[in-house]
N, C-alpha and C. Protein backbone atom coordinates (compact mmCIF):
# COMPACT_ATOMS: atom_id res chain seq x y z
N MET A 1 -55.51 109.23 194.61
CA MET A 1 -54.08 108.64 195.10
C MET A 1 -53.49 107.84 194.20
N ASN A 2 -54.04 107.18 193.22
CA ASN A 2 -53.40 106.29 192.62
C ASN A 2 -53.59 107.08 190.98
N CYS A 3 -52.69 106.36 189.91
CA CYS A 3 -53.00 106.43 188.62
C CYS A 3 -52.77 105.10 188.01
N GLU A 4 -52.91 105.43 186.73
CA GLU A 4 -52.74 103.81 185.79
C GLU A 4 -51.13 103.31 185.99
N ASN A 5 -51.25 101.94 186.39
CA ASN A 5 -50.24 101.20 186.52
C ASN A 5 -49.36 101.63 187.57
N ASN A 6 -50.32 102.22 188.68
CA ASN A 6 -49.59 102.54 190.26
C ASN A 6 -48.43 103.41 189.91
N ILE A 7 -48.46 104.07 188.94
CA ILE A 7 -47.32 105.07 189.03
C ILE A 7 -47.55 106.49 189.31
N HIS A 8 -46.57 106.80 190.27
CA HIS A 8 -46.84 108.34 190.96
C HIS A 8 -45.83 109.09 190.73
N ILE A 9 -45.84 110.21 190.03
CA ILE A 9 -44.99 111.14 190.04
C ILE A 9 -44.24 111.66 191.10
N ASN A 10 -44.83 111.59 192.26
CA ASN A 10 -44.18 112.12 193.75
C ASN A 10 -43.91 111.04 194.49
N ASP A 11 -43.99 109.78 194.11
CA ASP A 11 -43.75 109.02 194.85
C ASP A 11 -42.08 108.81 195.32
N VAL A 12 -41.87 108.64 196.77
CA VAL A 12 -40.76 108.67 197.17
C VAL A 12 -40.35 106.95 196.99
N PRO A 13 -39.44 106.31 196.37
CA PRO A 13 -39.34 104.75 196.20
C PRO A 13 -38.73 104.41 197.54
N SER A 14 -39.48 102.99 197.48
CA SER A 14 -38.99 102.48 198.89
C SER A 14 -37.80 101.74 198.56
N PRO A 15 -36.90 101.44 199.49
CA PRO A 15 -35.47 100.88 199.60
C PRO A 15 -35.60 99.33 199.61
N ILE A 16 -36.91 98.65 199.88
CA ILE A 16 -37.09 97.44 200.20
C ILE A 16 -38.21 96.86 199.29
N ASP A 17 -38.27 95.81 198.93
CA ASP A 17 -39.37 95.03 198.50
C ASP A 17 -39.95 94.12 199.52
N LEU A 18 -40.99 94.59 199.98
CA LEU A 18 -41.60 93.73 201.17
C LEU A 18 -42.50 92.57 200.33
N LYS A 19 -42.80 92.56 199.30
CA LYS A 19 -43.43 91.49 198.59
C LYS A 19 -42.47 90.31 198.45
N ASP A 20 -41.17 90.63 198.30
CA ASP A 20 -40.12 89.68 198.14
C ASP A 20 -39.63 88.79 199.66
N PRO A 21 -40.19 87.40 199.50
CA PRO A 21 -39.98 86.68 200.64
C PRO A 21 -38.77 86.95 201.53
N ILE A 22 -37.55 86.95 200.75
CA ILE A 22 -36.41 87.09 201.56
C ILE A 22 -36.21 88.66 202.29
N GLU A 23 -36.81 89.46 201.52
CA GLU A 23 -36.26 90.89 202.09
C GLU A 23 -37.52 91.10 203.04
N ALA A 24 -38.63 90.51 202.82
CA ALA A 24 -39.65 90.74 204.02
C ALA A 24 -39.40 89.85 205.11
N LYS A 25 -38.73 89.03 205.07
CA LYS A 25 -38.28 88.06 206.27
C LYS A 25 -37.15 88.86 207.20
N GLN A 26 -36.44 89.64 206.16
CA GLN A 26 -35.13 90.36 206.86
C GLN A 26 -35.52 91.57 207.64
N TRP A 27 -36.74 92.31 206.98
CA TRP A 27 -37.27 93.18 207.84
C TRP A 27 -37.98 92.99 208.73
N ALA A 28 -38.46 91.62 208.80
CA ALA A 28 -39.35 91.24 210.31
C ALA A 28 -38.24 91.02 211.27
N ALA A 29 -36.97 90.51 210.92
CA ALA A 29 -36.01 90.11 211.84
C ALA A 29 -35.43 91.31 212.56
N GLU A 30 -35.57 92.44 211.77
CA GLU A 30 -34.82 93.80 212.09
C GLU A 30 -35.75 94.67 212.93
N VAL A 31 -37.04 94.69 212.71
CA VAL A 31 -37.73 96.05 212.99
C VAL A 31 -37.67 95.92 214.57
N ASN A 32 -37.85 94.69 215.14
CA ASN A 32 -38.16 95.05 216.57
C ASN A 32 -36.69 95.19 217.64
N LEU A 33 -35.68 94.64 216.55
CA LEU A 33 -34.08 95.03 217.35
C LEU A 33 -34.22 96.51 217.20
N LYS A 34 -34.48 97.19 216.16
CA LYS A 34 -34.11 98.68 215.93
C LYS A 34 -34.98 99.34 216.73
N ARG A 35 -36.24 98.94 217.00
CA ARG A 35 -37.33 99.77 217.93
C ARG A 35 -38.00 98.94 218.79
N PRO A 36 -37.22 98.38 219.91
CA PRO A 36 -37.98 97.72 220.79
C PRO A 36 -38.98 98.24 221.64
N SER A 37 -39.11 99.72 221.51
CA SER A 37 -40.02 100.21 222.28
C SER A 37 -41.32 100.41 221.87
N ARG A 38 -41.47 99.63 220.56
CA ARG A 38 -42.66 99.40 219.79
C ARG A 38 -43.80 98.60 220.60
N TYR A 39 -43.19 97.75 221.54
CA TYR A 39 -44.04 97.22 222.36
C TYR A 39 -44.94 98.05 223.53
N ASP A 40 -44.16 99.23 223.80
CA ASP A 40 -44.73 100.23 224.66
C ASP A 40 -45.94 100.74 223.86
N ILE A 41 -45.91 100.83 222.89
CA ILE A 41 -46.92 101.20 221.90
C ILE A 41 -48.13 100.28 221.69
N PHE A 42 -47.94 99.48 221.57
CA PHE A 42 -48.41 97.96 221.56
C PHE A 42 -49.33 97.94 222.55
N GLN A 43 -48.82 98.44 223.77
CA GLN A 43 -49.67 98.26 225.26
C GLN A 43 -50.43 99.37 225.08
N MET A 44 -50.35 100.31 224.94
CA MET A 44 -51.07 101.52 224.51
C MET A 44 -52.47 101.06 223.87
N TYR A 45 -52.38 100.54 222.55
CA TYR A 45 -53.33 99.82 221.89
C TYR A 45 -54.40 98.92 222.75
N VAL A 46 -53.73 97.99 223.34
CA VAL A 46 -54.50 97.19 224.31
C VAL A 46 -54.93 97.65 225.38
N ASP A 47 -54.73 98.76 226.08
CA ASP A 47 -55.04 99.37 227.15
C ASP A 47 -56.25 100.20 226.42
N SER A 48 -56.55 100.71 225.42
CA SER A 48 -57.43 101.56 224.63
C SER A 48 -58.49 100.36 224.36
N ILE A 49 -58.31 99.55 223.70
CA ILE A 49 -59.15 98.34 223.44
C ILE A 49 -60.18 97.80 224.51
N PHE A 50 -59.27 97.50 225.88
CA PHE A 50 -60.14 97.15 226.96
C PHE A 50 -60.85 98.27 227.36
N ALA A 51 -60.53 99.48 227.39
CA ALA A 51 -61.36 100.67 227.53
C ALA A 51 -62.57 101.07 227.07
N PHE A 52 -62.18 100.57 225.86
CA PHE A 52 -63.42 100.96 224.53
C PHE A 52 -64.45 99.88 224.31
N ASN A 53 -63.87 98.38 224.10
CA ASN A 53 -64.55 97.63 223.83
C ASN A 53 -63.79 96.30 223.34
N PRO A 54 -63.80 95.15 224.62
CA PRO A 54 -62.86 94.25 224.73
C PRO A 54 -63.20 93.05 223.71
N ASN A 55 -64.16 93.35 223.07
CA ASN A 55 -64.81 92.22 221.67
C ASN A 55 -64.61 92.90 220.54
N ALA A 56 -63.86 93.97 220.46
CA ALA A 56 -63.85 94.63 219.58
C ALA A 56 -63.44 94.07 218.05
N ARG A 57 -64.11 94.63 216.76
CA ARG A 57 -63.57 94.14 215.76
C ARG A 57 -62.50 95.18 215.06
N VAL A 58 -61.29 94.50 215.10
CA VAL A 58 -59.90 95.41 214.96
C VAL A 58 -59.61 95.06 213.49
N LEU A 59 -59.16 95.97 212.95
CA LEU A 59 -58.51 96.28 211.76
C LEU A 59 -57.02 96.28 211.72
N GLU A 60 -56.03 95.98 211.31
CA GLU A 60 -54.74 96.57 211.28
C GLU A 60 -54.51 96.69 209.83
N LEU A 61 -54.04 98.00 209.08
CA LEU A 61 -53.63 98.08 207.95
C LEU A 61 -52.22 98.32 207.89
N GLY A 62 -51.68 97.35 207.02
CA GLY A 62 -50.40 97.42 206.77
C GLY A 62 -49.84 96.42 207.83
N SER A 63 -50.59 95.16 208.06
CA SER A 63 -50.11 94.30 209.09
C SER A 63 -49.01 93.69 209.26
N GLY A 64 -48.10 93.74 208.15
CA GLY A 64 -46.71 93.24 208.19
C GLY A 64 -46.65 91.67 208.66
N PRO A 65 -45.66 91.44 209.41
CA PRO A 65 -45.48 90.08 209.76
C PRO A 65 -45.86 89.37 211.26
N GLY A 66 -46.97 89.97 211.70
CA GLY A 66 -47.65 89.78 213.05
C GLY A 66 -47.45 90.07 214.22
N TYR A 67 -46.32 90.89 214.34
CA TYR A 67 -46.10 91.12 215.87
C TYR A 67 -47.00 91.77 216.55
N LEU A 68 -47.87 92.77 215.91
CA LEU A 68 -48.78 93.37 216.61
C LEU A 68 -50.18 92.43 216.82
N ALA A 69 -50.39 91.46 215.56
CA ALA A 69 -51.32 90.70 215.93
C ALA A 69 -50.92 89.77 216.95
N ASP A 70 -49.73 89.08 217.03
CA ASP A 70 -49.64 88.54 218.12
C ASP A 70 -49.83 88.93 219.55
N PHE A 71 -49.50 90.25 219.84
CA PHE A 71 -49.55 90.83 221.03
C PHE A 71 -50.93 91.33 221.26
N LEU A 72 -51.95 91.63 220.35
CA LEU A 72 -53.01 92.09 220.76
C LEU A 72 -54.11 90.74 220.99
N ILE A 73 -53.62 89.76 220.02
CA ILE A 73 -54.78 88.62 220.53
C ILE A 73 -54.18 88.03 221.99
N ASN A 74 -52.95 87.79 222.35
CA ASN A 74 -52.65 87.60 223.28
C ASN A 74 -53.14 88.29 224.74
N HIS A 75 -53.12 89.54 224.55
CA HIS A 75 -53.81 90.43 225.79
C HIS A 75 -55.04 90.76 225.54
N CYS A 76 -55.77 90.60 224.36
CA CYS A 76 -57.17 90.94 224.19
C CYS A 76 -57.62 89.82 223.51
N PRO A 77 -57.79 88.70 224.16
CA PRO A 77 -58.23 87.25 223.69
C PRO A 77 -59.82 87.67 222.81
N ASN A 78 -60.53 88.34 223.19
CA ASN A 78 -61.80 88.36 222.65
C ASN A 78 -62.22 89.18 221.33
N ILE A 79 -61.10 89.66 221.13
CA ILE A 79 -61.19 90.57 219.69
C ILE A 79 -61.33 89.47 218.49
N ASP A 80 -62.00 90.27 217.51
CA ASP A 80 -62.00 89.62 216.15
C ASP A 80 -61.08 90.53 215.35
N TYR A 81 -59.87 89.99 214.91
CA TYR A 81 -58.80 90.58 214.31
C TYR A 81 -58.75 90.50 212.85
N THR A 82 -58.54 91.74 212.02
CA THR A 82 -58.45 91.26 210.64
C THR A 82 -56.87 92.09 209.99
N ALA A 83 -56.10 91.36 209.49
CA ALA A 83 -54.84 91.88 208.84
C ALA A 83 -54.81 92.06 207.34
N PHE A 84 -54.48 93.33 207.00
CA PHE A 84 -54.79 93.94 205.76
C PHE A 84 -53.22 94.44 205.26
N ASP A 85 -52.92 93.49 204.40
CA ASP A 85 -51.39 94.00 203.52
C ASP A 85 -51.26 93.42 202.41
N PHE A 86 -50.38 94.28 201.37
CA PHE A 86 -50.21 93.96 200.18
C PHE A 86 -49.34 92.91 199.72
N SER A 87 -48.72 92.38 201.02
CA SER A 87 -47.53 91.15 200.58
C SER A 87 -48.26 89.87 201.18
N GLU A 88 -48.00 89.11 200.25
CA GLU A 88 -48.52 87.82 200.77
C GLU A 88 -47.38 87.03 201.56
N ALA A 89 -46.10 87.62 201.39
CA ALA A 89 -45.08 87.18 202.17
C ALA A 89 -45.07 87.65 203.63
N MET A 90 -45.58 88.62 203.71
CA MET A 90 -45.87 89.18 205.23
C MET A 90 -46.68 88.33 205.56
N HIS A 91 -48.08 88.08 205.04
CA HIS A 91 -49.15 87.25 205.81
C HIS A 91 -48.59 85.88 206.08
N ASP A 92 -47.61 85.34 205.14
CA ASP A 92 -47.18 84.18 205.37
C ASP A 92 -46.44 84.05 206.63
N LEU A 93 -45.35 85.26 207.01
CA LEU A 93 -44.91 85.50 208.11
C LEU A 93 -45.50 85.56 209.39
N ALA A 94 -46.62 86.10 209.20
CA ALA A 94 -47.74 86.48 210.41
C ALA A 94 -48.38 85.01 210.90
N LYS A 95 -48.87 84.27 209.70
CA LYS A 95 -49.33 82.88 209.88
C LYS A 95 -48.36 82.02 210.66
N GLU A 96 -47.07 82.19 210.17
CA GLU A 96 -45.96 81.20 210.83
C GLU A 96 -45.85 81.54 212.69
N LYS A 97 -46.00 82.88 212.93
CA LYS A 97 -45.73 83.61 214.16
C LYS A 97 -46.67 82.92 215.10
N LEU A 98 -48.09 83.00 214.15
CA LEU A 98 -49.51 82.91 215.22
C LEU A 98 -49.59 81.48 215.54
N SER A 99 -50.14 81.17 216.69
CA SER A 99 -50.50 79.90 216.72
C SER A 99 -51.84 79.37 216.12
N ALA A 100 -52.21 78.19 216.25
CA ALA A 100 -53.33 77.71 215.31
C ALA A 100 -54.63 78.41 216.00
N GLU A 101 -54.62 78.39 217.47
CA GLU A 101 -55.82 79.10 217.93
C GLU A 101 -55.78 80.53 217.64
N GLN A 102 -54.83 81.35 217.82
CA GLN A 102 -54.56 82.56 217.27
C GLN A 102 -55.20 82.95 215.94
N ARG A 103 -54.98 82.02 215.03
CA ARG A 103 -55.14 82.10 213.60
C ARG A 103 -56.62 81.98 213.45
N LEU A 104 -57.12 81.29 214.29
CA LEU A 104 -58.83 81.15 214.44
C LEU A 104 -59.57 82.43 214.42
N LYS A 105 -58.71 83.41 215.29
CA LYS A 105 -59.35 84.96 215.42
C LYS A 105 -59.22 85.82 214.23
N CYS A 106 -58.43 85.25 213.32
CA CYS A 106 -57.71 86.32 212.25
C CYS A 106 -58.41 86.14 210.85
N ASN A 107 -58.62 87.13 210.10
CA ASN A 107 -58.84 87.15 208.79
C ASN A 107 -57.96 87.71 208.15
N PHE A 108 -57.15 86.84 207.12
CA PHE A 108 -56.03 87.69 206.31
C PHE A 108 -56.45 88.23 204.95
N ILE A 109 -56.46 89.55 204.77
CA ILE A 109 -56.97 89.98 203.33
C ILE A 109 -55.60 90.72 202.52
N THR A 110 -55.62 90.35 201.52
CA THR A 110 -54.47 90.87 200.86
C THR A 110 -54.77 91.64 199.70
N GLY A 111 -54.29 92.82 199.88
CA GLY A 111 -54.58 94.51 199.13
C GLY A 111 -53.81 95.49 199.26
N ASP A 112 -53.83 96.51 198.19
CA ASP A 112 -52.92 97.45 198.46
C ASP A 112 -53.67 98.94 198.50
N PHE A 113 -53.19 99.62 199.69
CA PHE A 113 -54.12 100.70 199.74
C PHE A 113 -53.54 101.92 199.05
N LYS A 114 -52.69 101.50 198.10
CA LYS A 114 -52.59 102.60 197.14
C LYS A 114 -53.17 102.54 196.03
N GLN A 115 -54.11 101.61 195.54
CA GLN A 115 -54.94 101.36 194.69
C GLN A 115 -56.32 101.69 194.82
N SER A 116 -56.90 102.15 193.94
CA SER A 116 -58.28 102.84 194.04
C SER A 116 -59.16 101.84 194.41
N ALA A 117 -60.26 102.03 195.32
CA ALA A 117 -61.21 100.95 195.78
C ALA A 117 -60.53 100.15 196.77
N TRP A 118 -59.51 100.12 197.23
CA TRP A 118 -58.70 99.07 198.17
C TRP A 118 -59.61 98.80 199.09
N GLU A 119 -60.63 99.50 199.68
CA GLU A 119 -61.27 99.49 200.89
C GLU A 119 -62.49 97.98 201.03
N LYS A 120 -62.89 98.31 199.33
CA LYS A 120 -63.81 97.10 199.01
C LYS A 120 -63.58 95.75 199.59
N ALA A 121 -62.24 95.53 199.45
CA ALA A 121 -61.97 93.98 199.97
C ALA A 121 -62.00 93.92 201.34
N LEU A 122 -62.35 94.79 201.94
CA LEU A 122 -62.78 94.69 203.61
C LEU A 122 -64.08 94.60 204.05
N HIS A 123 -65.02 94.90 202.79
CA HIS A 123 -66.67 94.63 203.11
C HIS A 123 -66.98 93.12 202.70
N PHE A 124 -66.31 92.38 203.56
CA PHE A 124 -66.47 91.04 203.30
C PHE A 124 -67.75 90.25 203.92
N ASN A 125 -68.36 91.00 204.67
CA ASN A 125 -69.67 90.49 205.37
C ASN A 125 -70.54 91.87 205.78
N GLN A 126 -71.84 91.40 206.11
CA GLN A 126 -72.74 92.17 206.38
C GLN A 126 -72.34 93.33 207.50
N ASN A 127 -71.72 92.95 208.48
CA ASN A 127 -71.08 93.81 209.65
C ASN A 127 -69.78 94.35 209.13
N SER A 128 -69.69 95.26 208.30
CA SER A 128 -68.43 95.52 207.92
C SER A 128 -67.64 96.99 208.05
N ALA A 129 -68.30 97.24 209.57
CA ALA A 129 -67.58 98.34 210.07
C ALA A 129 -66.68 97.85 211.22
N PHE A 130 -65.60 98.31 211.35
CA PHE A 130 -64.84 97.96 212.46
C PHE A 130 -64.75 98.99 213.56
N ASP A 131 -64.45 98.19 214.87
CA ASP A 131 -64.54 99.13 216.02
C ASP A 131 -63.25 100.01 216.20
N VAL A 132 -62.36 99.31 215.95
CA VAL A 132 -60.67 99.76 216.01
C VAL A 132 -60.22 99.33 214.85
N ILE A 133 -59.72 100.65 214.18
CA ILE A 133 -58.66 100.40 213.10
C ILE A 133 -57.16 101.09 213.48
N ILE A 134 -56.34 100.27 213.13
CA ILE A 134 -54.79 100.75 213.49
C ILE A 134 -53.78 100.48 212.21
N ILE A 135 -53.23 101.72 212.02
CA ILE A 135 -51.93 101.72 211.09
C ILE A 135 -50.91 101.84 211.95
N HIS A 136 -49.94 100.80 212.13
CA HIS A 136 -48.86 101.02 212.80
C HIS A 136 -47.40 101.18 211.88
N GLN A 137 -46.81 102.20 211.80
CA GLN A 137 -45.38 102.16 210.92
C GLN A 137 -45.86 101.72 209.85
N ALA A 138 -46.86 102.18 209.06
CA ALA A 138 -47.11 101.81 207.61
C ALA A 138 -47.48 103.11 206.85
N LEU A 139 -48.18 103.98 207.56
CA LEU A 139 -48.65 105.13 206.77
C LEU A 139 -47.63 105.68 205.80
N HIS A 140 -46.44 105.79 205.99
CA HIS A 140 -45.48 106.25 204.89
C HIS A 140 -45.21 105.45 204.01
N GLU A 141 -46.08 104.19 203.93
CA GLU A 141 -46.17 103.13 202.68
C GLU A 141 -46.91 103.68 201.63
N LEU A 142 -47.45 104.77 202.00
CA LEU A 142 -48.59 105.63 200.70
C LEU A 142 -47.13 106.15 199.79
N ARG A 143 -46.10 106.45 200.01
CA ARG A 143 -44.89 106.77 199.60
C ARG A 143 -44.94 108.15 199.14
N HIS A 144 -46.21 108.78 199.81
CA HIS A 144 -45.79 110.48 199.91
C HIS A 144 -46.82 110.85 200.76
N LYS A 145 -46.43 111.97 201.50
CA LYS A 145 -47.27 112.63 202.39
C LYS A 145 -48.79 113.27 201.85
N ALA A 146 -48.40 113.59 200.70
CA ALA A 146 -49.70 113.92 200.20
C ALA A 146 -50.85 113.39 200.05
N TYR A 147 -50.90 112.12 200.02
CA TYR A 147 -51.83 111.20 200.06
C TYR A 147 -52.65 111.08 201.38
N ALA A 148 -51.97 111.22 202.44
CA ALA A 148 -52.52 111.05 203.74
C ALA A 148 -54.02 111.46 204.29
N ALA A 149 -54.27 112.44 203.76
CA ALA A 149 -55.70 113.07 204.04
C ALA A 149 -56.94 112.17 203.20
N GLU A 150 -56.67 111.90 201.63
CA GLU A 150 -57.43 111.03 201.32
C GLU A 150 -57.62 109.69 201.71
N PHE A 151 -56.44 109.04 202.20
CA PHE A 151 -56.34 107.77 202.82
C PHE A 151 -57.21 107.76 203.97
N HIS A 152 -57.07 108.70 204.80
CA HIS A 152 -57.66 108.79 206.28
C HIS A 152 -59.18 108.85 206.13
N ARG A 153 -59.63 109.62 205.05
CA ARG A 153 -61.02 109.75 204.49
C ARG A 153 -61.76 108.50 204.22
N THR A 154 -60.69 107.46 203.58
CA THR A 154 -61.45 106.20 202.99
C THR A 154 -61.19 105.56 204.31
N VAL A 155 -60.30 105.36 205.24
CA VAL A 155 -60.36 104.60 206.27
C VAL A 155 -61.60 105.17 207.29
N LYS A 156 -62.28 106.27 207.26
CA LYS A 156 -63.22 106.63 208.01
C LYS A 156 -64.37 105.67 207.51
N THR A 157 -64.38 105.34 206.19
CA THR A 157 -65.83 104.85 205.65
C THR A 157 -65.73 103.35 206.17
N LEU A 158 -64.44 102.92 206.69
CA LEU A 158 -64.70 101.46 207.50
C LEU A 158 -64.73 101.44 208.59
N LEU A 159 -64.79 102.63 209.36
CA LEU A 159 -64.82 102.63 210.96
C LEU A 159 -66.16 103.05 211.42
N ASN A 160 -66.84 102.09 212.34
CA ASN A 160 -67.82 102.17 213.22
C ASN A 160 -67.88 103.51 213.59
N THR A 161 -69.26 104.15 213.75
CA THR A 161 -69.65 105.66 214.05
C THR A 161 -69.13 106.02 215.48
N GLN A 162 -68.85 104.98 216.34
CA GLN A 162 -68.54 104.83 217.62
C GLN A 162 -67.08 104.60 217.73
N GLY A 163 -66.38 104.19 216.69
CA GLY A 163 -65.01 103.56 216.67
C GLY A 163 -63.92 104.49 216.78
N VAL A 164 -63.00 103.75 216.97
CA VAL A 164 -61.28 104.52 217.30
C VAL A 164 -60.45 104.31 216.14
N TYR A 165 -59.90 105.21 215.45
CA TYR A 165 -58.48 105.22 214.63
C TYR A 165 -57.17 105.21 214.86
N PHE A 166 -56.47 104.58 215.27
CA PHE A 166 -54.79 105.04 215.60
C PHE A 166 -54.11 104.77 214.50
N VAL A 167 -53.11 106.04 214.45
CA VAL A 167 -52.18 106.28 213.69
C VAL A 167 -50.83 106.31 214.16
N CYS A 168 -49.85 105.51 213.98
CA CYS A 168 -48.50 105.54 214.32
C CYS A 168 -47.62 105.47 213.18
N ASP A 169 -46.87 106.64 213.11
CA ASP A 169 -45.90 106.50 212.05
C ASP A 169 -44.69 107.35 212.47
N HIS A 170 -43.57 107.15 211.80
CA HIS A 170 -42.50 107.72 211.99
C HIS A 170 -42.45 109.43 211.85
N LEU A 171 -41.65 110.23 212.79
CA LEU A 171 -42.18 111.67 212.96
C LEU A 171 -41.05 112.12 211.89
N TYR A 172 -41.19 113.32 211.28
CA TYR A 172 -40.63 114.25 210.73
C TYR A 172 -40.24 115.38 211.50
N ALA A 173 -38.86 115.08 212.02
CA ALA A 173 -38.49 116.21 213.13
C ALA A 173 -36.82 116.11 212.99
N PRO A 174 -35.98 117.10 213.65
CA PRO A 174 -34.52 117.03 213.59
C PRO A 174 -34.11 115.80 214.21
N HIS A 175 -34.67 115.36 215.22
CA HIS A 175 -34.22 114.21 215.98
C HIS A 175 -34.85 112.99 215.77
N ALA A 176 -35.63 112.87 214.39
CA ALA A 176 -36.13 111.81 213.75
C ALA A 176 -35.93 111.78 212.49
N GLN A 177 -37.11 111.39 211.63
CA GLN A 177 -36.63 111.32 210.16
C GLN A 177 -36.68 112.38 209.42
N GLN A 178 -35.81 112.56 208.31
CA GLN A 178 -35.52 113.86 207.55
C GLN A 178 -36.00 113.85 206.29
N ASN A 179 -36.66 113.02 205.87
CA ASN A 179 -37.17 112.96 204.47
C ASN A 179 -38.80 113.60 204.57
N HIS A 180 -38.80 114.73 204.21
CA HIS A 180 -40.08 115.64 204.38
C HIS A 180 -40.88 115.47 203.48
N GLU A 181 -40.71 114.42 202.30
CA GLU A 181 -42.01 114.21 201.37
C GLU A 181 -42.47 112.91 201.91
N LEU A 182 -42.09 112.03 202.69
CA LEU A 182 -42.42 110.92 202.83
C LEU A 182 -43.06 110.79 204.55
N TYR A 183 -42.41 111.82 205.29
CA TYR A 183 -42.62 111.69 206.66
C TYR A 183 -43.28 113.03 207.08
N MET A 184 -44.09 112.91 208.11
CA MET A 184 -44.92 114.41 208.71
C MET A 184 -44.67 114.79 209.96
N SER A 185 -44.53 116.07 210.21
CA SER A 185 -44.50 116.57 211.65
C SER A 185 -45.90 116.27 212.42
N VAL A 186 -45.80 116.71 213.56
CA VAL A 186 -47.00 116.33 214.31
C VAL A 186 -48.10 117.09 213.62
N GLU A 187 -48.10 118.40 213.61
CA GLU A 187 -48.77 119.34 213.09
C GLU A 187 -49.59 118.67 211.74
N GLU A 188 -48.62 118.41 210.88
CA GLU A 188 -48.99 118.15 209.44
C GLU A 188 -50.15 116.70 209.68
N HIS A 189 -49.63 115.66 210.48
CA HIS A 189 -50.36 114.66 210.73
C HIS A 189 -51.85 115.04 211.30
N LEU A 190 -51.92 115.93 212.19
CA LEU A 190 -52.86 116.56 212.75
C LEU A 190 -53.89 117.23 211.71
N ASP A 191 -53.00 117.92 210.76
CA ASP A 191 -53.98 118.53 209.79
C ASP A 191 -54.60 117.57 208.91
N ALA A 192 -53.89 116.30 208.65
CA ALA A 192 -54.42 115.28 207.49
C ALA A 192 -55.42 114.80 208.08
N LEU A 193 -55.56 114.55 209.39
CA LEU A 193 -56.68 113.68 210.01
C LEU A 193 -58.11 114.70 210.36
N LYS A 194 -57.40 115.96 210.47
CA LYS A 194 -58.99 116.93 210.69
C LYS A 194 -59.24 117.28 209.34
N ALA A 195 -58.47 117.11 208.15
CA ALA A 195 -58.91 117.41 206.68
C ALA A 195 -59.93 116.31 206.19
N ALA A 196 -59.60 115.08 207.15
CA ALA A 196 -60.71 114.12 206.60
C ALA A 196 -61.93 113.95 207.68
N ASN A 197 -62.05 114.88 208.27
CA ASN A 197 -63.25 115.34 208.84
C ASN A 197 -63.69 114.55 210.08
N TYR A 198 -62.67 113.87 210.66
CA TYR A 198 -62.58 113.31 212.13
C TYR A 198 -62.95 114.25 212.85
N GLY A 199 -64.16 113.69 213.84
CA GLY A 199 -64.79 114.71 214.89
C GLY A 199 -63.64 115.05 215.90
N GLN A 200 -62.97 113.99 216.33
CA GLN A 200 -62.06 114.21 217.63
C GLN A 200 -60.98 113.61 217.09
N VAL A 201 -59.80 114.26 217.30
CA VAL A 201 -58.17 114.09 216.70
C VAL A 201 -57.14 114.64 217.85
N GLU A 202 -56.45 113.60 218.38
CA GLU A 202 -55.37 113.87 219.65
C GLU A 202 -53.94 113.36 219.09
N CYS A 203 -53.13 113.86 219.54
CA CYS A 203 -51.72 113.33 219.59
C CYS A 203 -51.61 112.59 221.18
N LEU A 204 -51.30 111.46 221.04
CA LEU A 204 -51.28 110.66 222.17
C LEU A 204 -49.69 110.82 222.80
N GLY A 205 -48.69 111.21 221.71
CA GLY A 205 -47.48 111.19 222.14
C GLY A 205 -46.26 110.91 221.41
N GLU A 206 -45.12 110.80 221.51
CA GLU A 206 -44.07 110.23 220.74
C GLU A 206 -43.08 109.35 221.66
N VAL A 207 -42.84 108.20 221.04
CA VAL A 207 -42.07 107.07 221.53
C VAL A 207 -40.84 106.99 220.87
N ASN A 208 -39.65 107.47 220.97
CA ASN A 208 -38.55 107.24 220.04
C ASN A 208 -38.63 107.29 218.59
N GLY A 209 -39.31 108.46 218.30
CA GLY A 209 -39.43 108.65 216.78
C GLY A 209 -40.42 108.54 216.09
N LEU A 210 -41.61 107.70 216.77
CA LEU A 210 -42.74 107.06 216.41
C LEU A 210 -43.87 108.09 217.06
N VAL A 211 -44.70 108.63 216.29
CA VAL A 211 -45.72 109.44 216.79
C VAL A 211 -47.10 108.70 216.81
N ILE A 212 -47.99 108.93 217.95
CA ILE A 212 -49.16 108.14 217.87
C ILE A 212 -50.17 109.30 217.92
N PHE A 213 -51.34 108.84 217.19
CA PHE A 213 -52.69 109.83 217.07
C PHE A 213 -53.77 108.79 217.24
N LYS A 214 -54.91 109.54 217.92
CA LYS A 214 -56.00 108.84 217.99
C LYS A 214 -57.18 109.51 217.43
N SER A 215 -58.07 109.07 216.69
CA SER A 215 -59.24 109.68 216.20
C SER A 215 -60.44 109.09 216.41
N GLN A 216 -61.56 109.80 216.16
CA GLN A 216 -62.85 109.24 216.19
C GLN A 216 -63.78 109.92 215.38
N HIS A 217 -64.88 109.57 214.94
CA HIS A 217 -66.11 109.97 214.05
C HIS A 217 -66.25 111.40 214.67
């Protein structure tokens, strides 16, 4: 997925530098205004966690400014939550958003899932498998859809054998996103997850241009 100096000949350039504190703060201020329905999806995660394991070890990949962390911890107070993001600026925004009590339930890990062996940063204790892994509106930060299947295979190595993996990202469709190098159709998402050898893969639906998938070992 990566090559020397993190240069990818197929990469779609990002219009924003999420490592920059000013740009990260601006993105965080606008994202929920643009997509208030994100909270319907957040509630879907909460319902699934309660049905699966209220005490789950939860990993969010591309965790951003902490909106999902805040929602999950408020609604699932017994989870152990890990935030993984390549931007210290995003981690700082998340820590500002969360209360001191919420932060006690969190692990903040800085790493870049475009780099080789990125997953090693998440093997920080003997019980390194996660019960629930979520990547919400961040899969396209691979910067090309061609990397998706390999990414999903790596995620599987972090998942408990009984665990659940949620993928939510922008949809490539006439009524949604138009960049077909960066975004995928429902069928392409399903193909990438199946190529990563998940035993169960299903599309949970679409919410205003964001499509959600659930996979299990």
